[in-house]
Amino acid sequence: MHKIYDKWPPIAKESYNTDLVQADFENVNHIVFAGMGGSGAIHDIFSAILSKTSIHVNIVKGYHLPNTVDSGTLVVTTSVSGNTAETMTVLESAKKSGCNLIAFSSGGKMERYCLENKIEHRKIPMYLSPRASFPAFLFSMLRVLERIIPIKSEDICESINSLEELQRKISYQNLVPDNPSLNLANWLTDIPVIYYPWGLQAAAVRFKNSLQENAKMHAMTEDVIEACHNGIVAWEKRSPIRPLLIRGNDDYIKTKERWDIIKEYFEQKNIEYKEIFSVKGSILTKLINLIYMLDYSTVYLSVISGTDPTPVDSIDFIKKKTE
């Protein structure tokens, strides 16, 4: 697992320079991204990129397409394994709806279904596991959907360069105290609650998922602004929870004020917390950089706790019951 994570920067670069045929759908004003787990985390990034455009976005992590799907909708289904039951159900529903449709997988049932039904499909290689394949799918999809997703090529290059720079700091070949991923792994005890601002939700949710899958530990996420209206009350009682604050380098001024207030509250209550800041750059650079650093920390944490990060027996149990 750690060897694959070390290769994320070259995998990202190779994937963006893919020879996969670009999609060319016209008059798209609504995109539905459907996928679970690691695939769903990729879609969260696309949603963040599109959040400042006029394109309406829905994220489906389940079985049902929204009723707003029409001829101006593009449905993007992603299943790294190609066998995800929920995503296959969405794919079949989308086929019947008459919308634009494209699918991404490493093969499996999804590839076969697309071939049989003449649906656009792009095959992307899987690296060890769906979660470890994150940069391969993200950057391949950015290239394939380049005519639809309004993101500058310099932002893509910036994000890959940031991965290369970060890799030198967090790699297992740099086991020093100021390795940020190793440092975070040593701090992560008990159950973390991950606070995030709205724009960085994709990184927070991905981190929670990776803690659960790689380190086999419980974790929670909370939007920092929403938490001030409910979740903060839970800190009035002591519990085996530790707050982790994921902050944007250029958060909205009111969000920065809220971070300061929450930190003041934690300090008054003698609650230990840790802050993680994004790098400067585009939303893609911020998110992919955070995800890389946070994901690598879950691999270190699994080593520290004597846990093999690769197998996910519980997920396999569920899949066998639902396929």
Protein backbone atom coordinates (compact mmCIF):
# COMPACT_ATOMS: atom_id res chain seq x y z
CA MET A 1 0.00 0.00 0.00
CA HIS A 2 2.71 2.52 0.94
CA LYS A 3 4.57 1.85 -2.31
CA ILE A 4 1.45 2.72 -4.32
CA TYR A 5 0.94 5.92 -2.30
CA ASP A 6 4.54 6.88 -3.00
CA LYS A 7 3.76 6.66 -6.72
CA TRP A 8 0.73 8.96 -6.62
CA PRO A 9 2.51 11.91 -8.34
CA PRO A 10 3.75 9.94 -11.39
CA ILE A 11 0.44 8.06 -11.55
CA ALA A 12 -1.39 11.42 -11.62
CA LYS A 13 0.87 12.75 -14.39
CA GLU A 14 0.63 9.60 -16.51
CA SER A 15 -3.14 9.48 -16.06
CA TYR A 16 -3.66 13.08 -17.13
CA ASN A 17 -1.54 12.44 -20.22
CA THR A 18 -3.71 9.43 -21.06
CA ASP A 19 -4.62 8.56 -24.64
CA LEU A 20 -8.23 7.87 -23.64
CA VAL A 21 -10.70 9.51 -26.04
CA GLN A 22 -12.18 12.74 -24.67
CA ALA A 23 -15.93 12.93 -24.18
CA ASP A 24 -17.85 15.43 -26.27
CA PHE A 25 -21.36 16.10 -25.00
CA GLU A 26 -23.13 19.30 -26.01
CA ASN A 27 -25.49 21.58 -24.08
CA VAL A 28 -24.87 19.95 -20.70
CA ASN A 29 -26.33 22.05 -17.86
CA HIS A 30 -26.69 19.32 -15.25
CA ILE A 31 -24.21 16.63 -14.21
CA VAL A 32 -25.02 13.68 -11.98
CA PHE A 33 -22.01 11.84 -10.55
CA ALA A 34 -22.78 8.34 -9.24
CA GLY A 35 -20.31 6.24 -7.29
CA MET A 36 -19.59 4.77 -3.89
CA GLY A 37 -16.56 4.80 -1.57
CA GLY A 38 -13.34 5.79 -3.32
CA SER A 39 -15.25 6.51 -6.53
CA GLY A 40 -17.65 8.78 -4.66
CA ALA A 41 -14.69 10.70 -3.19
CA ILE A 42 -13.52 11.49 -6.73
CA HIS A 43 -16.96 12.89 -7.53
CA ASP A 44 -16.84 15.11 -4.45
CA ILE A 45 -13.81 16.84 -5.99
CA PHE A 46 -15.65 17.37 -9.28
CA SER A 47 -18.53 18.86 -7.32
CA ALA A 48 -16.16 21.29 -5.60
CA ILE A 49 -14.63 22.31 -8.94
CA LEU A 50 -18.09 22.89 -10.47
CA SER A 51 -19.53 24.68 -7.43
CA LYS A 52 -18.68 28.11 -8.85
CA THR A 53 -20.10 27.42 -12.33
CA SER A 54 -23.63 27.52 -13.73
CA ILE A 55 -23.71 23.72 -14.10
CA HIS A 56 -26.04 22.08 -11.61
CA VAL A 57 -24.46 19.08 -9.87
CA ASN A 58 -25.90 16.10 -8.01
CA ILE A 59 -23.82 13.48 -6.20
CA VAL A 60 -25.49 10.07 -5.95
CA LYS A 61 -24.12 7.66 -3.37
CA GLY A 62 -26.86 5.09 -3.56
CA TYR A 63 -29.35 3.58 -6.00
CA HIS A 64 -31.56 6.41 -7.26
CA LEU A 65 -31.20 9.05 -9.96
CA PRO A 66 -32.76 12.45 -9.19
CA ASN A 67 -36.04 13.21 -10.97
CA THR A 68 -34.46 16.28 -12.59
CA VAL A 69 -32.50 14.14 -15.10
CA ASP A 70 -33.35 15.13 -18.70
CA SER A 71 -31.76 15.54 -22.14
CA GLY A 72 -29.47 18.28 -20.79
CA THR A 73 -28.10 15.99 -18.09
CA LEU A 74 -24.82 14.10 -18.20
CA VAL A 75 -24.71 11.10 -15.87
CA VAL A 76 -21.18 10.03 -14.93
CA THR A 77 -20.96 6.63 -13.26
CA THR A 78 -17.69 5.50 -11.70
CA SER A 79 -16.82 2.14 -10.19
CA VAL A 80 -13.12 1.40 -9.86
CA SER A 81 -13.82 -2.33 -9.53
CA GLY A 82 -16.57 -2.18 -12.15
CA ASN A 83 -18.85 -4.27 -9.98
CA THR A 84 -20.43 -1.84 -7.51
CA ALA A 85 -24.10 -2.84 -7.17
CA GLU A 86 -25.45 0.64 -6.38
CA THR A 87 -23.62 2.28 -9.27
CA MET A 88 -24.69 -0.42 -11.71
CA THR A 89 -28.30 0.25 -10.72
CA VAL A 90 -27.85 3.97 -11.45
CA LEU A 91 -26.19 3.15 -14.78
CA GLU A 92 -29.13 0.98 -15.82
CA SER A 93 -31.63 3.68 -14.78
CA ALA A 94 -29.68 6.34 -16.69
CA LYS A 95 -29.70 4.19 -19.81
CA LYS A 96 -33.51 4.18 -19.72
CA SER A 97 -33.81 7.94 -19.08
CA GLY A 98 -32.45 9.17 -22.43
CA CYS A 99 -29.81 11.41 -20.84
CA ASN A 100 -26.16 11.72 -21.83
CA LEU A 101 -24.12 8.99 -20.20
CA ILE A 102 -20.50 7.96 -19.68
CA ALA A 103 -18.99 5.32 -17.38
CA PHE A 104 -15.53 4.80 -15.89
CA SER A 105 -14.19 1.54 -14.45
CA SER A 106 -11.24 -0.83 -14.51
CA GLY A 107 -13.46 -3.40 -16.22
CA GLY A 108 -15.98 -5.74 -14.58
CA LYS A 109 -19.75 -5.72 -15.02
CA MET A 110 -19.79 -2.03 -15.86
CA GLU A 111 -17.52 -2.42 -18.87
CA ARG A 112 -19.53 -5.41 -20.14
CA TYR A 113 -22.85 -3.60 -19.72
CA CYS A 114 -21.56 -0.54 -21.57
CA LEU A 115 -20.24 -2.63 -24.46
CA GLU A 116 -23.53 -4.51 -24.76
CA ASN A 117 -25.60 -1.31 -24.67
CA LYS A 118 -23.30 0.97 -26.69
CA ILE A 119 -22.67 3.32 -23.76
CA GLU A 120 -19.50 5.41 -23.68
CA HIS A 121 -17.02 3.75 -21.35
CA ARG A 122 -13.42 4.52 -20.42
CA LYS A 123 -11.25 1.80 -18.91
CA ILE A 124 -8.75 2.98 -16.28
CA PRO A 125 -6.30 0.65 -14.50
CA MET A 126 -6.79 -0.12 -10.81
CA TYR A 127 -3.77 0.10 -8.50
CA LEU A 128 -4.08 -2.45 -5.68
CA SER A 129 -7.45 -1.16 -4.39
CA PRO A 130 -10.11 1.42 -5.31
CA ARG A 131 -8.90 3.92 -2.68
CA ALA A 132 -5.26 3.60 -3.75
CA SER A 133 -6.34 4.18 -7.37
CA PHE A 134 -7.63 7.66 -6.54
CA PRO A 135 -5.15 9.72 -8.66
CA ALA A 136 -5.38 7.36 -11.64
CA PHE A 137 -9.14 7.78 -11.88
CA LEU A 138 -9.29 11.46 -10.91
CA PHE A 139 -6.73 12.68 -13.42
CA SER A 140 -7.87 10.35 -16.21
CA MET A 141 -11.41 11.62 -15.75
CA LEU A 142 -10.22 15.23 -15.71
CA ARG A 143 -8.67 14.62 -19.13
CA VAL A 144 -11.64 12.73 -20.58
CA LEU A 145 -14.14 15.32 -19.32
CA GLU A 146 -11.92 18.30 -20.16
CA ARG A 147 -14.42 19.78 -22.65
CA ILE A 148 -17.16 19.72 -20.02
CA ILE A 149 -15.38 20.45 -16.72
CA PRO A 150 -14.14 24.07 -16.78
CA ILE A 151 -10.70 23.74 -15.22
CA LYS A 152 -7.52 25.32 -16.54
CA SER A 153 -4.62 23.13 -17.67
CA GLU A 154 -2.29 25.22 -15.46
CA ASP A 155 -4.40 24.24 -12.46
CA ILE A 156 -3.91 20.59 -13.36
CA CYS A 157 -0.15 21.10 -13.66
CA GLU A 158 -0.08 23.02 -10.39
CA SER A 159 -1.88 20.20 -8.58
CA ILE A 160 0.52 17.54 -9.91
CA ASN A 161 3.54 19.68 -8.99
CA SER A 162 2.15 20.06 -5.48
CA LEU A 163 1.87 16.26 -5.21
CA GLU A 164 5.50 15.86 -6.27
CA GLU A 165 6.67 18.40 -3.70
CA LEU A 166 4.56 16.85 -0.95
CA GLN A 167 5.73 13.31 -1.77
CA ARG A 168 9.29 14.23 -0.79
CA LYS A 169 8.02 15.33 2.63
CA ILE A 170 5.64 12.49 3.48
CA SER A 171 7.31 9.49 1.84
CA TYR A 172 8.29 6.45 3.91
CA GLN A 173 11.81 7.27 2.78
CA ASN A 174 11.63 10.45 4.89
CA LEU A 175 10.88 9.10 8.37
CA VAL A 176 11.74 12.25 10.30
CA PRO A 177 9.81 14.13 13.02
CA ASP A 178 8.67 16.89 10.65
CA ASN A 179 7.11 14.45 8.18
CA PRO A 180 3.54 15.89 8.33
CA SER A 181 1.76 12.58 7.64
CA LEU A 182 3.81 10.68 10.19
CA ASN A 183 3.38 13.49 12.70
CA LEU A 184 -0.40 13.37 12.27
CA ALA A 185 -0.46 9.57 12.55
CA ASN A 186 1.34 9.77 15.90
CA TRP A 187 -1.26 12.28 17.13
CA LEU A 188 -4.30 10.30 15.98
CA THR A 189 -5.54 8.37 18.98
CA ASP A 190 -9.05 7.68 20.21
CA ILE A 191 -11.77 8.78 17.74
CA PRO A 192 -11.17 11.89 15.61
CA VAL A 193 -13.93 14.29 14.65
CA ILE A 194 -12.84 16.12 11.52
CA TYR A 195 -14.04 19.71 11.19
CA TYR A 196 -13.94 21.32 7.76
CA PRO A 197 -15.20 24.38 5.86
CA TRP A 198 -17.71 23.77 3.08
CA GLY A 199 -15.19 23.99 0.22
CA LEU A 200 -12.95 21.28 1.72
CA GLN A 201 -15.66 18.72 2.42
CA ALA A 202 -14.20 16.34 -0.18
CA ALA A 203 -10.89 16.13 1.71
CA ALA A 204 -12.58 15.62 5.09
CA VAL A 205 -14.90 12.85 3.88
CA ARG A 206 -12.08 11.11 2.04
CA PHE A 207 -9.93 11.26 5.20
CA LYS A 208 -12.72 9.74 7.28
CA ASN A 209 -13.14 6.95 4.74
CA SER A 210 -9.41 6.23 4.62
CA LEU A 211 -9.15 6.14 8.40
CA GLN A 212 -11.95 3.59 8.41
CA GLU A 213 -10.56 1.45 5.58
CA ASN A 214 -6.80 1.70 6.10
CA ALA A 215 -6.51 2.08 9.88
CA LYS A 216 -9.78 0.28 10.71
CA MET A 217 -10.80 3.01 13.18
CA HIS A 218 -13.93 5.06 13.72
CA ALA A 219 -13.97 8.69 12.56
CA MET A 220 -16.55 11.45 12.12
CA THR A 221 -16.85 14.63 10.03
CA GLU A 222 -18.63 17.91 10.74
CA ASP A 223 -18.99 21.13 8.78
CA VAL A 224 -17.43 23.72 11.10
CA ILE A 225 -20.21 26.29 10.65
CA GLU A 226 -23.03 23.80 11.10
CA ALA A 227 -21.26 22.31 14.13
CA CYS A 228 -21.54 25.67 15.88
CA HIS A 229 -25.31 25.18 15.87
CA ASN A 230 -25.38 21.63 17.25
CA GLY A 231 -22.22 19.50 17.40
CA ILE A 232 -20.29 21.90 19.64
CA VAL A 233 -22.67 21.09 22.51
CA ALA A 234 -21.31 17.54 22.73
CA TRP A 235 -18.01 18.96 24.04
CA GLU A 236 -19.74 19.95 27.28
CA LYS A 237 -19.11 16.35 28.36
CA ARG A 238 -15.78 14.55 28.30
CA SER A 239 -15.46 11.81 25.69
CA PRO A 240 -12.76 9.82 23.84
CA ILE A 241 -13.03 12.17 20.84
CA ARG A 242 -10.26 14.42 19.46
CA PRO A 243 -10.98 17.42 17.22
CA LEU A 244 -8.99 17.85 14.02
CA LEU A 245 -9.44 21.15 12.18
CA ILE A 246 -8.92 21.09 8.41
CA ARG A 247 -8.53 24.69 7.31
CA GLY A 248 -8.27 26.36 3.93
CA ASN A 249 -5.33 28.63 3.24
CA ASP A 250 -7.78 31.35 2.17
CA ASP A 251 -10.99 30.51 4.00
CA TYR A 252 -13.82 33.04 3.89
CA ILE A 253 -13.28 35.78 6.50
CA LYS A 254 -16.33 34.75 8.55
CA THR A 255 -15.12 31.13 8.53
CA LYS A 256 -11.73 32.28 9.84
CA GLU A 257 -13.50 34.10 12.67
CA ARG A 258 -15.42 30.94 13.50
CA TRP A 259 -12.22 28.88 13.61
CA ASP A 260 -10.78 31.35 16.14
CA ILE A 261 -13.90 31.15 18.31
CA ILE A 262 -13.91 27.34 18.29
CA LYS A 263 -10.21 27.22 19.17
CA GLU A 264 -10.83 29.61 22.05
CA TYR A 265 -13.63 27.35 23.28
CA PHE A 266 -11.45 24.23 23.10
CA GLU A 267 -8.63 25.98 24.95
CA GLN A 268 -10.99 27.10 27.72
CA LYS A 269 -12.20 23.51 28.07
CA ASN A 270 -8.63 22.09 27.92
CA ILE A 271 -9.54 20.05 24.85
CA GLU A 272 -6.52 19.15 22.75
CA TYR A 273 -6.96 19.80 19.04
CA LYS A 274 -4.83 19.79 15.92
CA GLU A 275 -4.92 22.07 12.87
CA ILE A 276 -4.14 21.06 9.28
CA PHE A 277 -3.88 23.80 6.64
CA SER A 278 -4.30 23.47 2.91
CA VAL A 279 -1.64 24.77 0.54
CA LYS A 280 -2.20 27.81 -1.66
CA GLY A 281 -3.56 27.29 -5.15
CA SER A 282 -6.68 26.22 -7.03
CA ILE A 283 -9.42 24.18 -5.37
CA LEU A 284 -8.05 21.09 -7.11
CA THR A 285 -4.56 21.72 -5.73
CA LYS A 286 -5.88 22.33 -2.22
CA LEU A 287 -8.00 19.17 -2.21
CA ILE A 288 -5.58 16.72 -3.84
CA ASN A 289 -2.72 17.95 -1.64
CA LEU A 290 -4.78 17.54 1.53
CA ILE A 291 -6.05 14.14 0.47
CA TYR A 292 -2.53 12.89 -0.26
CA MET A 293 -1.12 14.05 3.07
CA LEU A 294 -4.11 12.80 5.07
CA ASP A 295 -4.33 9.46 3.26
CA TYR A 296 -0.65 8.76 3.78
CA SER A 297 -1.12 9.41 7.51
CA THR A 298 -3.69 6.59 7.63
CA VAL A 299 -1.09 4.20 6.21
CA TYR A 300 1.41 5.27 8.89
CA LEU A 301 -1.31 4.90 11.51
CA SER A 302 -2.02 1.35 10.37
CA VAL A 303 1.69 0.51 10.76
CA ILE A 304 1.80 2.08 14.22
CA SER A 305 -1.28 0.12 15.31
CA GLY A 306 -0.12 -3.14 13.71
CA THR A 307 -3.00 -3.18 11.22
CA ASP A 308 -2.79 -4.37 7.62
CA PRO A 309 -4.36 -1.50 5.62
CA THR A 310 -5.13 -3.50 2.49
CA PRO A 311 -7.88 -6.05 3.30
CA VAL A 312 -11.44 -4.81 3.89
CA ASP A 313 -13.17 -7.98 5.06
CA SER A 314 -16.28 -6.15 6.27
CA ILE A 315 -16.87 -4.59 2.85
CA ASP A 316 -16.34 -7.98 1.20
CA PHE A 317 -18.93 -9.48 3.56
CA ILE A 318 -21.50 -6.85 2.57
CA LYS A 319 -20.76 -7.19 -1.15
CA LYS A 320 -21.23 -10.95 -1.08
CA LYS A 321 -24.67 -10.43 0.44
CA THR A 322 -25.74 -7.77 -2.07
CA GLU A 323 -24.33 -8.93 -5.41
